[in-house]
Protein backbone atom coordinates (compact mmCIF):
# COMPACT_ATOMS: atom_id res chain seq x y z
CA MET A 1 131.23 46.65 19.32
CA VAL A 2 131.13 42.93 18.75
CA GLU A 3 133.79 40.70 20.87
CA LEU A 4 134.51 36.84 20.06
CA LYS A 5 136.86 34.49 21.48
CA PHE A 6 138.25 31.40 20.25
CA GLU A 7 140.59 28.43 21.23
CA LEU A 8 142.78 26.56 19.53
CA GLU A 9 144.67 23.31 20.31
CA GLY A 10 148.05 22.65 18.90
CA GLY A 11 148.00 20.02 15.95
CA ASP A 12 144.33 20.32 15.48
CA PHE A 13 144.63 21.55 11.65
CA SER A 14 141.04 20.79 11.33
CA ARG A 15 140.03 23.74 13.50
CA ALA A 16 142.53 26.22 11.82
CA GLY A 17 140.26 28.38 9.94
CA TYR A 18 137.21 28.43 12.00
CA ALA A 19 137.89 31.70 13.74
CA SER A 20 138.73 33.66 10.60
CA SER A 21 135.48 32.00 8.68
CA GLU A 22 133.38 33.26 11.54
CA VAL A 23 134.76 36.75 11.40
CA LYS A 24 134.14 37.08 7.80
CA LYS A 25 130.73 35.85 8.20
CA ILE A 26 130.15 38.95 10.91
CA LEU A 27 132.14 41.52 9.13
CA LYS A 28 130.13 40.67 5.98
CA GLN A 29 126.90 41.32 7.85
CA LEU A 30 128.41 44.41 9.25
CA ASN A 31 128.77 45.38 5.48
CA VAL A 32 132.55 46.11 5.82
CA ASP A 33 134.32 46.47 2.68
CA SER A 34 135.17 43.10 1.10
CA ARG A 35 138.89 44.30 0.44
CA VAL A 36 138.95 44.95 3.86
CA ILE A 37 137.52 41.85 4.97
CA LYS A 38 140.01 39.68 2.79
CA ARG A 39 143.05 41.20 4.56
CA ILE A 40 141.37 40.63 8.12
CA VAL A 41 140.41 37.19 7.20
CA VAL A 42 143.94 36.17 5.55
CA ALA A 43 145.78 37.37 8.34
CA LEU A 44 143.91 35.85 10.99
CA TYR A 45 144.13 32.64 9.14
CA GLU A 46 147.89 32.68 8.95
CA ALA A 47 147.81 33.33 12.61
CA GLU A 48 145.43 30.43 13.38
CA VAL A 49 147.71 28.20 11.42
CA ASN A 50 150.58 29.22 13.56
CA VAL A 51 149.42 28.59 16.49
CA VAL A 52 148.19 25.33 15.63
CA ALA A 53 151.61 24.37 13.44
CA HIS A 54 153.81 25.44 16.62
CA ALA A 55 152.17 26.08 19.80
CA TRP A 56 150.45 23.62 22.32
CA ARG A 57 147.04 25.72 22.60
CA GLY A 58 146.29 29.15 22.21
CA ASP A 59 143.31 31.91 22.52
CA ILE A 60 142.10 34.32 19.99
CA GLY A 61 140.08 37.72 20.92
CA VAL A 62 138.34 39.73 18.34
CA LEU A 63 137.16 43.10 18.85
CA ILE A 64 135.31 44.61 16.02
CA GLU A 65 134.46 48.31 16.65
CA PRO A 66 132.84 50.93 14.42
CA ASN A 67 136.37 52.07 12.82
CA ARG A 68 138.79 49.11 13.60
CA VAL A 69 138.98 45.25 13.85
CA MET A 70 141.70 44.33 16.63
CA ILE A 71 142.65 40.73 17.00
CA THR A 72 144.85 39.26 19.66
CA LEU A 73 146.19 35.74 19.74
CA LYS A 74 148.14 34.31 22.78
CA ASP A 75 149.57 30.79 22.77
CA GLU A 76 151.35 28.75 25.01
CA GLY A 77 154.16 26.92 23.45
CA PRO A 78 158.06 27.00 22.14
CA GLY A 79 157.78 30.87 21.21
CA ILE A 80 159.93 32.72 18.72
CA ASP A 81 163.58 33.20 19.59
CA ASP A 82 164.20 35.70 16.91
CA ILE A 83 161.42 37.51 15.73
CA GLU A 84 162.77 39.63 13.02
CA ARG A 85 164.11 36.54 11.24
CA ALA A 86 160.84 34.88 11.54
CA MET A 87 159.39 38.05 9.83
CA GLN A 88 161.29 36.96 6.85
CA GLU A 89 159.60 35.25 4.27
CA GLY A 90 160.53 31.55 3.90
CA PHE A 91 162.04 31.15 7.28
CA SER A 92 160.17 28.61 8.83
CA THR A 93 160.63 26.36 12.26
CA ALA A 94 157.62 24.03 11.04
CA THR A 95 158.34 20.14 11.50
CA GLU A 96 158.45 17.81 8.65
CA LYS A 97 154.81 16.50 9.58
CA VAL A 98 153.41 19.94 9.51
CA ARG A 99 155.36 20.59 6.09
CA SER A 100 153.91 17.32 4.64
CA MET A 101 150.51 18.71 5.32
CA GLY A 102 151.33 21.78 3.07
CA PHE A 103 152.03 24.25 5.81
CA GLY A 104 155.07 25.83 7.14
CA ALA A 105 156.35 27.60 4.20
CA GLY A 106 157.69 30.77 6.24
CA MET A 107 155.00 32.80 4.94
CA GLY A 108 152.74 33.38 8.30
CA LEU A 109 154.38 36.40 9.80
CA PRO A 110 155.14 38.00 6.57
CA ASN A 111 151.47 37.61 5.61
CA ILE A 112 150.11 38.76 8.34
CA ARG A 113 152.29 42.05 8.18
CA LYS A 114 151.13 42.64 4.45
CA ASN A 115 147.45 42.23 5.52
CA THR A 116 147.46 44.38 8.48
CA ASP A 117 147.68 48.11 9.61
CA GLU A 118 149.26 47.62 12.63
CA LEU A 119 151.07 44.28 13.98
CA THR A 120 152.78 43.74 17.25
CA VAL A 121 154.47 40.26 18.19
CA GLU A 122 155.83 39.59 21.55
CA SER A 123 157.36 36.28 22.59
CA LYS A 124 159.10 34.31 25.43
CA VAL A 125 160.99 31.17 24.54
CA ASN A 126 159.41 28.25 26.08
CA LYS A 127 156.52 30.31 27.29
CA GLY A 128 154.73 31.47 24.31
CA THR A 129 153.81 34.17 21.66
CA LYS A 130 151.19 37.16 21.70
CA VAL A 131 150.27 38.53 18.58
CA VAL A 132 147.99 41.54 18.11
CA PHE A 133 147.26 42.96 14.97
CA ILE A 134 144.74 45.97 13.72
CA ASN A 135 142.93 46.63 10.59
CA TYR A 136 140.95 49.96 9.92
CA LEU A 137 137.47 49.97 8.50
């Protein structure tokens, strides 16, 4: 079992992708199937960008077990007022500044859902969001 923790700051796009890159390295060292690694890395990267683009700060917890990888992201931010709508491709609340950097196309949560075996999203407006996803190895 491997446990990892990462921190994210809202607006710091230079760090978005660091956690997914580190997780990818470890999963490769553990000889996890490359197709599974790709799904995990895509989901985690999308989740990292969501936190950086929308929240004030966030934490990532990664638990790598023999049969699964569970990733938990908790952020402090505006939250998601309509999770069902946010899960639709193309729906975005990203600012113009975020969009001008090439992010905020409304594919984050849909891509996370497509690349995970289990996904839960909980959110409280003006408090933050918790995203938990699992991929089986």
